Amino acid sequence: MSEQEEARVEYPEAMAPQLYLITPAAADPETFPATLMGVLSAAEFSAILVQRGTLDAAGYAKLAAGVVNIGQGAGCAVLLHDDIALAKRLGADGVHITGGAKAIKDAVAALKPGQIVGAGHIGTRHDAMTAGEMDLDYLLFGPLDGTSDPAAADLAEWWAATFEIPAVLSDPGAVPGSADSRGAEFLALSSSLWSAPAPAALALAIADAVKETA
């Protein structure tokens, strides 16, 4: 992307971000589907990333199959974590790539234009602009779980205000009083939901708060 392209900054009217859901790093393939159904019944999510986390290949494939079935049934795009072959086999909507430029190029070549390719693990403006040259559907800023990263929020805000490729701000610690996409088109939720006593209730509360503050 050229400096001239970067300079064309537009500030559209504020709109509520769409919600993007990231599954837990240690999701149980047997029990998580019921929790997921509750969350998707409570709040509207546009996309779900099936995080690989600590699962082995068999466990991840089982979890992913369940999430693809439930998520697509709820109208969500379901993305797999760095696994092109499994995404094709299960009929997932695409992949989320964290492995750098070569992995992104491989995913784009294998899946585009019919499926979604997004990228994360972006720590600098240079990383973002490099990834943005690769025909991606979105860039995700911030960690997939754990604690929120203020620097990632700043990057997401800059990207969303400057470029057309959608930004996803991952805010693992989001709660109703703090959830803010900083202008990014998508707000990703994860750890705060899965550690809550009632994930579905928290998802609904965050969704309502985001709409009110848009």
N, C-alpha and C. Protein backbone atom coordinates (compact mmCIF):
# COMPACT_ATOMS: atom_id res chain seq x y z
N MET A 1 0.84 -1.20 0.00
CA MET A 1 0.00 0.00 0.00
C MET A 1 0.88 1.25 0.00
N SER A 2 0.55 2.19 -0.85
CA SER A 2 1.37 3.39 -0.98
C SER A 2 1.08 4.38 0.13
N GLU A 3 1.99 5.34 0.28
CA GLU A 3 1.77 6.40 1.26
C GLU A 3 0.55 7.23 0.90
N GLN A 4 0.28 7.37 -0.42
CA GLN A 4 -0.89 8.12 -0.83
C GLN A 4 -2.17 7.41 -0.40
N GLU A 5 -2.18 6.08 -0.55
CA GLU A 5 -3.35 5.32 -0.12
C GLU A 5 -3.55 5.45 1.38
N GLU A 6 -2.45 5.40 2.13
CA GLU A 6 -2.54 5.51 3.58
C GLU A 6 -3.06 6.87 3.99
N ALA A 7 -2.78 7.89 3.19
CA ALA A 7 -3.16 9.25 3.55
C ALA A 7 -4.64 9.53 3.37
N ARG A 8 -5.33 8.69 2.60
CA ARG A 8 -6.75 8.94 2.35
C ARG A 8 -7.57 8.45 3.53
N VAL A 9 -7.56 9.20 4.58
CA VAL A 9 -8.26 8.82 5.80
C VAL A 9 -9.69 9.34 5.75
N GLU A 10 -10.64 8.46 5.97
CA GLU A 10 -12.04 8.84 6.02
C GLU A 10 -12.61 8.43 7.37
N TYR A 11 -13.53 9.22 7.86
CA TYR A 11 -14.13 8.95 9.16
C TYR A 11 -15.64 8.83 8.99
N PRO A 12 -16.14 7.63 8.69
CA PRO A 12 -17.56 7.44 8.50
C PRO A 12 -18.31 7.59 9.82
N GLU A 13 -19.63 7.72 9.70
CA GLU A 13 -20.45 7.80 10.90
C GLU A 13 -20.27 6.52 11.72
N ALA A 14 -20.29 6.71 13.04
CA ALA A 14 -20.06 5.57 13.92
C ALA A 14 -21.16 4.53 13.75
N MET A 15 -20.75 3.28 13.65
CA MET A 15 -21.69 2.17 13.56
C MET A 15 -21.26 1.11 14.56
N ALA A 16 -22.23 0.39 15.07
CA ALA A 16 -21.89 -0.68 16.01
C ALA A 16 -21.08 -1.75 15.28
N PRO A 17 -19.98 -2.20 15.88
CA PRO A 17 -19.20 -3.25 15.22
C PRO A 17 -19.96 -4.57 15.23
N GLN A 18 -19.64 -5.41 14.27
CA GLN A 18 -20.15 -6.78 14.30
C GLN A 18 -19.30 -7.56 15.31
N LEU A 19 -19.89 -8.59 15.88
CA LEU A 19 -19.19 -9.39 16.88
C LEU A 19 -18.59 -10.64 16.25
N TYR A 20 -17.39 -10.95 16.70
CA TYR A 20 -16.58 -12.06 16.20
C TYR A 20 -16.23 -12.88 17.44
N LEU A 21 -16.47 -14.16 17.41
CA LEU A 21 -16.30 -15.01 18.60
C LEU A 21 -15.08 -15.91 18.43
N ILE A 22 -14.26 -15.99 19.47
CA ILE A 22 -13.09 -16.86 19.47
C ILE A 22 -13.30 -17.94 20.53
N THR A 23 -13.22 -19.20 20.14
CA THR A 23 -13.45 -20.29 21.08
C THR A 23 -12.30 -20.37 22.09
N PRO A 24 -12.53 -21.01 23.23
CA PRO A 24 -11.48 -21.11 24.25
C PRO A 24 -10.28 -21.93 23.78
N ALA A 25 -9.12 -21.63 24.35
CA ALA A 25 -7.90 -22.36 24.00
C ALA A 25 -7.96 -23.81 24.44
N ALA A 26 -8.73 -24.10 25.48
CA ALA A 26 -8.83 -25.46 25.99
C ALA A 26 -10.27 -25.96 25.91
N ALA A 27 -10.95 -25.64 24.83
CA ALA A 27 -12.34 -26.06 24.69
C ALA A 27 -12.45 -27.59 24.67
N ASP A 28 -13.43 -28.10 25.39
CA ASP A 28 -13.70 -29.54 25.42
C ASP A 28 -14.62 -29.88 24.25
N PRO A 29 -14.17 -30.69 23.30
CA PRO A 29 -15.02 -31.00 22.14
C PRO A 29 -16.35 -31.63 22.51
N GLU A 30 -16.43 -32.25 23.69
CA GLU A 30 -17.67 -32.91 24.11
C GLU A 30 -18.66 -31.92 24.72
N THR A 31 -18.18 -31.00 25.53
CA THR A 31 -19.09 -30.13 26.28
C THR A 31 -19.24 -28.73 25.71
N PHE A 32 -18.24 -28.27 24.93
CA PHE A 32 -18.30 -26.89 24.46
C PHE A 32 -19.47 -26.60 23.53
N PRO A 33 -19.88 -27.52 22.65
CA PRO A 33 -20.99 -27.20 21.75
C PRO A 33 -22.24 -26.68 22.46
N ALA A 34 -22.56 -27.23 23.62
CA ALA A 34 -23.76 -26.75 24.34
C ALA A 34 -23.57 -25.32 24.80
N THR A 35 -22.37 -25.00 25.29
CA THR A 35 -22.09 -23.62 25.70
C THR A 35 -22.16 -22.68 24.51
N LEU A 36 -21.61 -23.11 23.39
CA LEU A 36 -21.63 -22.30 22.18
C LEU A 36 -23.06 -22.02 21.73
N MET A 37 -23.90 -23.02 21.75
CA MET A 37 -25.29 -22.81 21.33
C MET A 37 -25.98 -21.78 22.20
N GLY A 38 -25.68 -21.80 23.48
CA GLY A 38 -26.27 -20.81 24.38
C GLY A 38 -25.82 -19.40 24.04
N VAL A 39 -24.53 -19.23 23.78
CA VAL A 39 -24.00 -17.91 23.44
C VAL A 39 -24.59 -17.40 22.13
N LEU A 40 -24.66 -18.27 21.12
CA LEU A 40 -25.19 -17.85 19.82
C LEU A 40 -26.68 -17.58 19.86
N SER A 41 -27.37 -18.19 20.81
CA SER A 41 -28.80 -17.91 20.98
C SER A 41 -29.02 -16.56 21.66
N ALA A 42 -28.04 -16.12 22.45
CA ALA A 42 -28.19 -14.89 23.23
C ALA A 42 -27.79 -13.65 22.45
N ALA A 43 -26.77 -13.76 21.59
CA ALA A 43 -26.25 -12.59 20.89
C ALA A 43 -25.89 -12.96 19.46
N GLU A 44 -25.90 -11.97 18.59
CA GLU A 44 -25.62 -12.21 17.17
C GLU A 44 -24.13 -12.04 16.89
N PHE A 45 -23.52 -13.09 16.36
CA PHE A 45 -22.12 -13.06 15.97
C PHE A 45 -22.03 -13.28 14.47
N SER A 46 -21.11 -12.56 13.83
CA SER A 46 -20.92 -12.71 12.39
C SER A 46 -19.95 -13.82 12.03
N ALA A 47 -18.98 -14.06 12.91
CA ALA A 47 -17.94 -15.05 12.61
C ALA A 47 -17.47 -15.71 13.89
N ILE A 48 -16.97 -16.92 13.73
CA ILE A 48 -16.40 -17.68 14.84
C ILE A 48 -15.04 -18.22 14.40
N LEU A 49 -14.03 -17.99 15.22
CA LEU A 49 -12.72 -18.59 15.01
C LEU A 49 -12.57 -19.77 15.96
N VAL A 50 -12.35 -20.95 15.40
CA VAL A 50 -12.12 -22.14 16.23
C VAL A 50 -10.63 -22.16 16.56
N GLN A 51 -10.32 -21.68 17.75
CA GLN A 51 -8.91 -21.57 18.17
C GLN A 51 -8.32 -22.97 18.38
N ARG A 52 -7.10 -23.16 17.88
CA ARG A 52 -6.44 -24.46 18.04
C ARG A 52 -6.05 -24.70 19.49
N GLY A 53 -5.47 -23.69 20.12
CA GLY A 53 -5.16 -23.78 21.53
C GLY A 53 -4.29 -24.97 21.88
N THR A 54 -4.72 -25.72 22.87
CA THR A 54 -3.94 -26.84 23.40
C THR A 54 -4.39 -28.19 22.87
N LEU A 55 -5.31 -28.20 21.92
CA LEU A 55 -5.86 -29.47 21.42
C LEU A 55 -4.91 -30.17 20.47
N ASP A 56 -4.92 -31.50 20.51
CA ASP A 56 -4.17 -32.26 19.51
C ASP A 56 -4.99 -32.31 18.22
N ALA A 57 -4.43 -32.93 17.19
CA ALA A 57 -5.07 -32.90 15.87
C ALA A 57 -6.47 -33.52 15.90
N ALA A 58 -6.61 -34.66 16.57
CA ALA A 58 -7.91 -35.33 16.61
C ALA A 58 -8.92 -34.51 17.39
N GLY A 59 -8.49 -33.97 18.53
CA GLY A 59 -9.39 -33.16 19.34
C GLY A 59 -9.82 -31.90 18.63
N TYR A 60 -8.87 -31.27 17.92
CA TYR A 60 -9.22 -30.05 17.19
C TYR A 60 -10.19 -30.35 16.06
N ALA A 61 -9.97 -31.43 15.35
CA ALA A 61 -10.88 -31.79 14.26
C ALA A 61 -12.29 -32.05 14.78
N LYS A 62 -12.40 -32.69 15.92
CA LYS A 62 -13.73 -32.96 16.50
C LYS A 62 -14.39 -31.65 16.93
N LEU A 63 -13.63 -30.79 17.61
CA LEU A 63 -14.18 -29.50 18.02
C LEU A 63 -14.60 -28.70 16.80
N ALA A 64 -13.73 -28.62 15.80
CA ALA A 64 -14.03 -27.83 14.62
C ALA A 64 -15.28 -28.32 13.91
N ALA A 65 -15.45 -29.63 13.81
CA ALA A 65 -16.64 -30.18 13.15
C ALA A 65 -17.90 -29.74 13.86
N GLY A 66 -17.88 -29.78 15.19
CA GLY A 66 -19.04 -29.35 15.96
C GLY A 66 -19.33 -27.88 15.80
N VAL A 67 -18.28 -27.06 15.81
CA VAL A 67 -18.48 -25.61 15.68
C VAL A 67 -18.95 -25.24 14.28
N VAL A 68 -18.42 -25.90 13.27
CA VAL A 68 -18.88 -25.64 11.90
C VAL A 68 -20.37 -25.92 11.80
N ASN A 69 -20.81 -27.02 12.33
CA ASN A 69 -22.22 -27.39 12.26
C ASN A 69 -23.11 -26.38 13.00
N ILE A 70 -22.72 -26.05 14.23
CA ILE A 70 -23.53 -25.14 15.05
C ILE A 70 -23.42 -23.70 14.53
N GLY A 71 -22.21 -23.27 14.25
CA GLY A 71 -22.00 -21.89 13.83
C GLY A 71 -22.67 -21.56 12.51
N GLN A 72 -22.48 -22.42 11.53
CA GLN A 72 -23.12 -22.16 10.24
C GLN A 72 -24.63 -22.23 10.35
N GLY A 73 -25.12 -23.10 11.22
CA GLY A 73 -26.56 -23.17 11.45
C GLY A 73 -27.12 -21.90 12.04
N ALA A 74 -26.27 -21.15 12.75
CA ALA A 74 -26.68 -19.88 13.36
C ALA A 74 -26.37 -18.69 12.46
N GLY A 75 -25.90 -18.96 11.26
CA GLY A 75 -25.62 -17.88 10.32
C GLY A 75 -24.26 -17.25 10.46
N CYS A 76 -23.33 -17.93 11.14
CA CYS A 76 -21.97 -17.40 11.33
C CYS A 76 -21.01 -18.00 10.30
N ALA A 77 -20.03 -17.21 9.91
CA ALA A 77 -18.90 -17.73 9.14
C ALA A 77 -17.95 -18.39 10.13
N VAL A 78 -17.60 -19.64 9.89
CA VAL A 78 -16.73 -20.37 10.81
C VAL A 78 -15.35 -20.52 10.18
N LEU A 79 -14.34 -20.06 10.92
CA LEU A 79 -12.96 -20.04 10.44
C LEU A 79 -12.10 -20.97 11.28
N LEU A 80 -11.22 -21.71 10.63
CA LEU A 80 -10.31 -22.59 11.35
C LEU A 80 -8.94 -21.93 11.47
N HIS A 81 -8.23 -22.36 12.50
CA HIS A 81 -6.98 -21.73 12.92
C HIS A 81 -5.80 -22.40 12.22
N ASP A 82 -5.25 -21.76 11.18
CA ASP A 82 -4.04 -22.24 10.52
C ASP A 82 -4.18 -23.67 9.96
N ASP A 83 -5.36 -24.05 9.47
CA ASP A 83 -5.53 -25.41 8.96
C ASP A 83 -6.36 -25.40 7.69
N ILE A 84 -5.69 -25.22 6.56
CA ILE A 84 -6.37 -25.14 5.27
C ILE A 84 -7.03 -26.47 4.92
N ALA A 85 -6.31 -27.56 5.09
CA ALA A 85 -6.83 -28.87 4.69
C ALA A 85 -8.09 -29.23 5.48
N LEU A 86 -8.07 -28.98 6.78
CA LEU A 86 -9.24 -29.30 7.60
C LEU A 86 -10.41 -28.39 7.25
N ALA A 87 -10.14 -27.14 6.95
CA ALA A 87 -11.21 -26.22 6.55
C ALA A 87 -11.90 -26.72 5.29
N LYS A 88 -11.12 -27.22 4.33
CA LYS A 88 -11.71 -27.77 3.12
C LYS A 88 -12.52 -29.02 3.43
N ARG A 89 -11.97 -29.89 4.25
CA ARG A 89 -12.63 -31.17 4.53
C ARG A 89 -13.94 -30.99 5.27
N LEU A 90 -13.99 -30.04 6.18
CA LEU A 90 -15.19 -29.85 7.00
C LEU A 90 -16.20 -28.87 6.38
N GLY A 91 -15.81 -28.21 5.30
CA GLY A 91 -16.69 -27.22 4.71
C GLY A 91 -16.77 -25.95 5.53
N ALA A 92 -15.68 -25.60 6.22
CA ALA A 92 -15.64 -24.34 6.96
C ALA A 92 -15.64 -23.18 5.97
N ASP A 93 -15.89 -21.99 6.50
CA ASP A 93 -15.99 -20.82 5.62
C ASP A 93 -14.64 -20.21 5.29
N GLY A 94 -13.60 -20.63 5.98
CA GLY A 94 -12.28 -20.09 5.69
C GLY A 94 -11.31 -20.38 6.80
N VAL A 95 -10.21 -19.62 6.82
CA VAL A 95 -9.16 -19.83 7.80
C VAL A 95 -8.68 -18.50 8.38
N HIS A 96 -8.13 -18.59 9.57
CA HIS A 96 -7.45 -17.47 10.21
C HIS A 96 -5.98 -17.87 10.31
N ILE A 97 -5.11 -17.07 9.70
CA ILE A 97 -3.71 -17.42 9.58
C ILE A 97 -2.85 -16.58 10.53
N THR A 98 -1.97 -17.26 11.24
CA THR A 98 -1.06 -16.55 12.15
C THR A 98 0.40 -16.84 11.84
N GLY A 99 0.67 -17.54 10.75
CA GLY A 99 2.02 -18.01 10.48
C GLY A 99 2.90 -17.13 9.62
N GLY A 100 2.45 -15.92 9.30
CA GLY A 100 3.30 -15.03 8.53
C GLY A 100 2.99 -15.02 7.05
N ALA A 101 3.85 -14.32 6.29
CA ALA A 101 3.57 -14.02 4.89
C ALA A 101 3.41 -15.27 4.03
N LYS A 102 4.29 -16.26 4.17
CA LYS A 102 4.19 -17.45 3.32
C LYS A 102 2.91 -18.20 3.60
N ALA A 103 2.54 -18.33 4.88
CA ALA A 103 1.31 -19.03 5.23
C ALA A 103 0.09 -18.31 4.69
N ILE A 104 0.13 -16.97 4.73
CA ILE A 104 -0.98 -16.20 4.17
C ILE A 104 -1.08 -16.44 2.67
N LYS A 105 0.05 -16.36 1.96
CA LYS A 105 0.04 -16.59 0.52
C LYS A 105 -0.49 -17.97 0.17
N ASP A 106 -0.09 -18.98 0.92
CA ASP A 106 -0.55 -20.35 0.68
C ASP A 106 -2.07 -20.44 0.87
N ALA A 107 -2.57 -19.81 1.91
CA ALA A 107 -4.01 -19.86 2.19
C ALA A 107 -4.80 -19.13 1.11
N VAL A 108 -4.32 -17.97 0.70
CA VAL A 108 -5.00 -17.22 -0.36
C VAL A 108 -5.04 -18.02 -1.64
N ALA A 109 -3.91 -18.66 -2.00
CA ALA A 109 -3.85 -19.46 -3.22
C ALA A 109 -4.79 -20.66 -3.15
N ALA A 110 -4.93 -21.23 -1.96
CA ALA A 110 -5.72 -22.45 -1.82
C ALA A 110 -7.22 -22.18 -1.70
N LEU A 111 -7.60 -21.04 -1.13
CA LEU A 111 -9.00 -20.84 -0.76
C LEU A 111 -9.72 -19.70 -1.47
N LYS A 112 -8.99 -18.68 -1.88
CA LYS A 112 -9.66 -17.54 -2.49
C LYS A 112 -10.01 -17.85 -3.94
N PRO A 113 -11.10 -17.30 -4.49
CA PRO A 113 -11.98 -16.31 -3.85
C PRO A 113 -13.18 -16.90 -3.13
N GLY A 114 -13.31 -18.21 -3.12
CA GLY A 114 -14.54 -18.79 -2.59
C GLY A 114 -14.65 -18.79 -1.09
N GLN A 115 -13.52 -18.75 -0.38
CA GLN A 115 -13.55 -18.82 1.08
C GLN A 115 -12.79 -17.63 1.68
N ILE A 116 -12.97 -17.46 2.98
CA ILE A 116 -12.42 -16.32 3.70
C ILE A 116 -11.00 -16.62 4.16
N VAL A 117 -10.12 -15.65 4.02
CA VAL A 117 -8.78 -15.74 4.60
C VAL A 117 -8.53 -14.46 5.39
N GLY A 118 -8.34 -14.61 6.70
CA GLY A 118 -7.98 -13.51 7.57
C GLY A 118 -6.64 -13.78 8.20
N ALA A 119 -6.05 -12.75 8.78
CA ALA A 119 -4.73 -12.92 9.38
C ALA A 119 -4.65 -12.20 10.71
N GLY A 120 -3.86 -12.77 11.60
CA GLY A 120 -3.60 -12.16 12.89
C GLY A 120 -2.12 -12.17 13.20
N HIS A 121 -1.79 -12.04 14.48
CA HIS A 121 -0.39 -11.98 14.94
C HIS A 121 0.30 -10.80 14.28
N ILE A 122 -0.36 -9.64 14.34
CA ILE A 122 0.13 -8.41 13.71
C ILE A 122 0.51 -7.43 14.80
N GLY A 123 1.80 -7.15 14.92
CA GLY A 123 2.27 -6.34 16.03
C GLY A 123 2.67 -4.92 15.70
N THR A 124 2.83 -4.62 14.41
CA THR A 124 3.30 -3.29 14.02
C THR A 124 2.52 -2.81 12.80
N ARG A 125 2.65 -1.52 12.50
CA ARG A 125 2.05 -0.98 11.29
C ARG A 125 2.66 -1.63 10.04
N HIS A 126 3.95 -1.88 10.10
CA HIS A 126 4.62 -2.54 8.96
C HIS A 126 4.03 -3.93 8.74
N ASP A 127 3.85 -4.70 9.82
CA ASP A 127 3.23 -6.03 9.70
C ASP A 127 1.86 -5.92 9.04
N ALA A 128 1.08 -4.93 9.49
CA ALA A 128 -0.28 -4.77 8.98
C ALA A 128 -0.27 -4.43 7.49
N MET A 129 0.58 -3.50 7.09
CA MET A 129 0.61 -3.10 5.69
C MET A 129 1.14 -4.22 4.79
N THR A 130 2.09 -5.00 5.30
CA THR A 130 2.58 -6.14 4.54
C THR A 130 1.47 -7.16 4.32
N ALA A 131 0.74 -7.48 5.39
CA ALA A 131 -0.36 -8.43 5.27
C ALA A 131 -1.48 -7.88 4.40
N GLY A 132 -1.69 -6.59 4.48
CA GLY A 132 -2.77 -5.97 3.72
C GLY A 132 -2.58 -6.02 2.22
N GLU A 133 -1.37 -6.33 1.76
CA GLU A 133 -1.10 -6.45 0.33
C GLU A 133 -1.50 -7.81 -0.23
N MET A 134 -1.99 -8.71 0.62
CA MET A 134 -2.13 -10.12 0.23
C MET A 134 -3.55 -10.59 0.01
N ASP A 135 -4.45 -9.73 -0.38
CA ASP A 135 -5.82 -10.13 -0.72
C ASP A 135 -6.54 -10.79 0.45
N LEU A 136 -6.37 -10.22 1.64
CA LEU A 136 -7.04 -10.74 2.83
C LEU A 136 -8.43 -10.16 2.99
N ASP A 137 -9.26 -10.87 3.74
CA ASP A 137 -10.62 -10.40 4.02
C ASP A 137 -10.68 -9.57 5.30
N TYR A 138 -9.73 -9.76 6.20
CA TYR A 138 -9.66 -8.93 7.40
C TYR A 138 -8.29 -9.09 8.04
N LEU A 139 -7.95 -8.13 8.91
CA LEU A 139 -6.78 -8.24 9.78
C LEU A 139 -7.27 -8.21 11.22
N LEU A 140 -6.75 -9.11 12.03
CA LEU A 140 -7.12 -9.16 13.44
C LEU A 140 -5.97 -8.62 14.28
N PHE A 141 -6.29 -7.69 15.16
CA PHE A 141 -5.30 -7.06 16.04
C PHE A 141 -5.60 -7.48 17.48
N GLY A 142 -4.56 -7.91 18.17
CA GLY A 142 -4.72 -8.30 19.57
C GLY A 142 -4.61 -9.79 19.77
N PRO A 143 -4.46 -10.22 21.02
CA PRO A 143 -4.32 -11.64 21.33
C PRO A 143 -5.65 -12.37 21.20
N LEU A 144 -5.57 -13.67 20.92
CA LEU A 144 -6.80 -14.46 20.80
C LEU A 144 -7.45 -14.73 22.14
N ASP A 145 -6.67 -14.70 23.20
CA ASP A 145 -7.23 -14.89 24.55
C ASP A 145 -6.27 -14.26 25.55
N GLY A 146 -6.58 -14.39 26.82
CA GLY A 146 -5.73 -13.80 27.85
C GLY A 146 -6.21 -12.43 28.25
N THR A 147 -5.33 -11.44 28.18
CA THR A 147 -5.68 -10.08 28.59
C THR A 147 -5.67 -9.14 27.39
N SER A 148 -6.38 -8.05 27.52
CA SER A 148 -6.48 -7.07 26.45
C SER A 148 -5.15 -6.34 26.26
N ASP A 149 -4.90 -5.87 25.04
CA ASP A 149 -3.64 -5.22 24.68
C ASP A 149 -3.93 -3.82 24.17
N PRO A 150 -3.66 -2.78 24.96
CA PRO A 150 -3.93 -1.40 24.51
C PRO A 150 -3.21 -1.03 23.22
N ALA A 151 -1.99 -1.53 23.02
CA ALA A 151 -1.26 -1.22 21.79
C ALA A 151 -1.96 -1.81 20.58
N ALA A 152 -2.53 -3.00 20.73
CA ALA A 152 -3.28 -3.62 19.62
C ALA A 152 -4.52 -2.81 19.30
N ALA A 153 -5.16 -2.25 20.33
CA ALA A 153 -6.33 -1.41 20.10
C ALA A 153 -5.96 -0.16 19.32
N ASP A 154 -4.81 0.42 19.63
CA ASP A 154 -4.34 1.59 18.88
C ASP A 154 -4.09 1.23 17.41
N LEU A 155 -3.48 0.07 17.18
CA LEU A 155 -3.22 -0.37 15.81
C LEU A 155 -4.54 -0.59 15.04
N ALA A 156 -5.49 -1.23 15.71
CA ALA A 156 -6.78 -1.48 15.06
C ALA A 156 -7.47 -0.17 14.70
N GLU A 157 -7.40 0.80 15.60
CA GLU A 157 -8.03 2.10 15.34
C GLU A 157 -7.37 2.78 14.14
N TRP A 158 -6.04 2.75 14.10
CA TRP A 158 -5.32 3.34 12.96
C TRP A 158 -5.69 2.64 11.66
N TRP A 159 -5.68 1.31 11.67
CA TRP A 159 -5.98 0.56 10.45
C TRP A 159 -7.40 0.85 9.97
N ALA A 160 -8.35 0.81 10.87
CA ALA A 160 -9.76 1.00 10.48
C ALA A 160 -10.00 2.38 9.90
N ALA A 161 -9.28 3.37 10.39
CA ALA A 161 -9.46 4.74 9.90
C ALA A 161 -8.74 5.00 8.59
N THR A 162 -7.82 4.11 8.22
CA THR A 162 -6.93 4.39 7.10
C THR A 162 -7.16 3.50 5.89
N PHE A 163 -7.50 2.24 6.12
CA PHE A 163 -7.56 1.27 5.02
C PHE A 163 -8.95 0.65 4.90
N GLU A 164 -9.21 0.05 3.73
CA GLU A 164 -10.52 -0.52 3.46
C GLU A 164 -10.68 -1.94 3.96
N ILE A 165 -9.61 -2.70 4.03
CA ILE A 165 -9.73 -4.08 4.53
C ILE A 165 -10.22 -4.03 5.97
N PRO A 166 -11.28 -4.76 6.29
CA PRO A 166 -11.85 -4.68 7.65
C PRO A 166 -10.86 -5.05 8.74
N ALA A 167 -11.02 -4.37 9.88
CA ALA A 167 -10.21 -4.66 11.07
C ALA A 167 -11.05 -5.40 12.09
N VAL A 168 -10.42 -6.34 12.76
CA VAL A 168 -11.02 -7.02 13.91
C VAL A 168 -10.17 -6.67 15.12
N LEU A 169 -10.77 -6.08 16.14
CA LEU A 169 -10.05 -5.85 17.39
C LEU A 169 -10.42 -6.97 18.36
N SER A 170 -9.45 -7.76 18.74
CA SER A 170 -9.66 -8.81 19.71
C SER A 170 -9.43 -8.25 21.11
N ASP A 171 -10.49 -8.27 21.91
CA ASP A 171 -10.44 -7.72 23.27
C ASP A 171 -10.83 -8.81 24.25
N PRO A 172 -9.87 -9.68 24.62
CA PRO A 172 -10.21 -10.84 25.45
C PRO A 172 -10.83 -10.48 26.79
N GLY A 173 -10.52 -9.30 27.32
CA GLY A 173 -11.05 -8.91 28.63
C GLY A 173 -12.32 -8.11 28.57
N ALA A 174 -12.97 -8.05 27.42
CA ALA A 174 -14.13 -7.18 27.24
C ALA A 174 -15.25 -7.47 28.24
N VAL A 175 -15.80 -6.41 28.79
CA VAL A 175 -16.99 -6.46 29.63
C VAL A 175 -17.90 -5.31 29.17
N PRO A 176 -19.16 -5.32 29.58
CA PRO A 176 -20.08 -4.29 29.06
C PRO A 176 -19.59 -2.86 29.24
N GLY A 177 -18.91 -2.57 30.33
CA GLY A 177 -18.48 -1.20 30.56
C GLY A 177 -17.24 -0.78 29.81
N SER A 178 -16.52 -1.74 29.22
CA SER A 178 -15.26 -1.40 28.56
C SER A 178 -15.21 -1.79 27.10
N ALA A 179 -16.16 -2.56 26.61
CA ALA A 179 -16.10 -3.07 25.23
C ALA A 179 -16.16 -1.92 24.24
N ASP A 180 -15.13 -1.80 23.43
CA ASP A 180 -15.02 -0.70 22.48
C ASP A 180 -14.16 -1.18 21.32
N SER A 181 -14.70 -1.19 20.12
CA SER A 181 -13.94 -1.68 18.97
C SER A 181 -12.95 -0.65 18.45
N ARG A 182 -12.99 0.57 18.98
CA ARG A 182 -12.08 1.66 18.56
C ARG A 182 -12.21 1.93 17.05
N GLY A 183 -13.39 1.78 16.52
CA GLY A 183 -13.62 2.04 15.10
C GLY A 183 -13.44 0.84 14.21
N ALA A 184 -12.93 -0.27 14.74
CA ALA A 184 -12.79 -1.48 13.94
C ALA A 184 -14.17 -2.02 13.58
N GLU A 185 -14.25 -2.65 12.43
CA GLU A 185 -15.54 -3.16 11.95
C GLU A 185 -16.03 -4.34 12.77
N PHE A 186 -15.12 -5.06 13.42
CA PHE A 186 -15.48 -6.23 14.21
C PHE A 186 -14.82 -6.14 15.59
N LEU A 187 -15.53 -6.61 16.60
CA LEU A 187 -15.00 -6.74 17.96
C LEU A 187 -15.02 -8.21 18.31
N ALA A 188 -13.83 -8.77 18.61
CA ALA A 188 -13.72 -10.19 18.92
C ALA A 188 -13.75 -10.40 20.43
N LEU A 189 -14.57 -11.34 20.85
CA LEU A 189 -14.73 -11.68 22.26
C LEU A 189 -14.21 -13.08 22.53
N SER A 190 -13.62 -13.27 23.71
CA SER A 190 -13.10 -14.59 24.04
C SER A 190 -13.06 -14.84 25.54
N SER A 191 -11.92 -14.60 26.18
CA SER A 191 -11.67 -15.06 27.55
C SER A 191 -12.71 -14.60 28.57
N SER A 192 -13.13 -13.33 28.48
CA SER A 192 -14.09 -12.84 29.47
C SER A 192 -15.39 -13.62 29.42
N LEU A 193 -15.78 -14.05 28.21
CA LEU A 193 -17.01 -14.85 28.10
C LEU A 193 -16.84 -16.22 28.73
N TRP A 194 -15.75 -16.90 28.35
CA TRP A 194 -15.61 -18.30 28.75
C TRP A 194 -15.29 -18.46 30.23
N SER A 195 -14.80 -17.39 30.87
CA SER A 195 -14.54 -17.47 32.31
C SER A 195 -15.72 -16.97 33.14
N ALA A 196 -16.75 -16.48 32.47
CA ALA A 196 -17.92 -15.95 33.18
C ALA A 196 -18.82 -17.08 33.66
N PRO A 197 -19.53 -16.87 34.78
CA PRO A 197 -20.47 -17.90 35.25
C PRO A 197 -21.56 -18.20 34.24
N ALA A 198 -21.96 -17.17 33.47
CA ALA A 198 -23.02 -17.34 32.48
C ALA A 198 -22.56 -16.69 31.17
N PRO A 199 -21.81 -17.41 30.32
CA PRO A 199 -21.28 -16.82 29.09
C PRO A 199 -22.36 -16.19 28.20
N ALA A 200 -23.50 -16.83 28.09
CA ALA A 200 -24.55 -16.31 27.22
C ALA A 200 -25.05 -14.96 27.73
N ALA A 201 -25.23 -14.83 29.03
CA ALA A 201 -25.70 -13.57 29.60
C ALA A 201 -24.69 -12.46 29.38
N LEU A 202 -23.40 -12.77 29.53
CA LEU A 202 -22.38 -11.75 29.31
C LEU A 202 -22.32 -11.37 27.84
N ALA A 203 -22.44 -12.33 26.95
CA ALA A 203 -22.44 -12.01 25.52
C ALA A 203 -23.57 -11.05 25.17
N LEU A 204 -24.74 -11.30 25.71
CA LEU A 204 -25.88 -10.41 25.46
C LEU A 204 -25.62 -9.02 26.03
N ALA A 205 -25.07 -8.96 27.23
CA ALA A 205 -24.81 -7.66 27.85
C ALA A 205 -23.79 -6.85 27.06
N ILE A 206 -22.74 -7.52 26.57
CA ILE A 206 -21.74 -6.82 25.77
C ILE A 206 -22.35 -6.36 24.45
N ALA A 207 -23.12 -7.23 23.81
CA ALA A 207 -23.75 -6.86 22.54
C ALA A 207 -24.64 -5.64 22.71
N ASP A 208 -25.42 -5.60 23.78
CA ASP A 208 -26.30 -4.45 24.03
C ASP A 208 -25.49 -3.19 24.31
N ALA A 209 -24.40 -3.34 25.08
CA ALA A 209 -23.58 -2.17 25.41
C ALA A 209 -22.91 -1.60 24.17
N VAL A 210 -22.43 -2.47 23.29
CA VAL A 210 -21.76 -2.00 22.07
C VAL A 210 -22.74 -1.24 21.19
N LYS A 211 -23.97 -1.71 21.09
CA LYS A 211 -24.97 -1.04 20.27
C LYS A 211 -25.30 0.35 20.86
N GLU A 212 -25.37 0.44 22.18
CA GLU A 212 -25.73 1.70 22.83
C GLU A 212 -24.66 2.76 22.68
N THR A 213 -23.40 2.33 22.59
CA THR A 213 -22.31 3.31 22.55
C THR A 213 -21.87 3.65 21.13
N ALA A 214 -22.45 2.99 20.13
CA ALA A 214 -22.05 3.25 18.74
C ALA A 214 -22.49 4.66 18.31
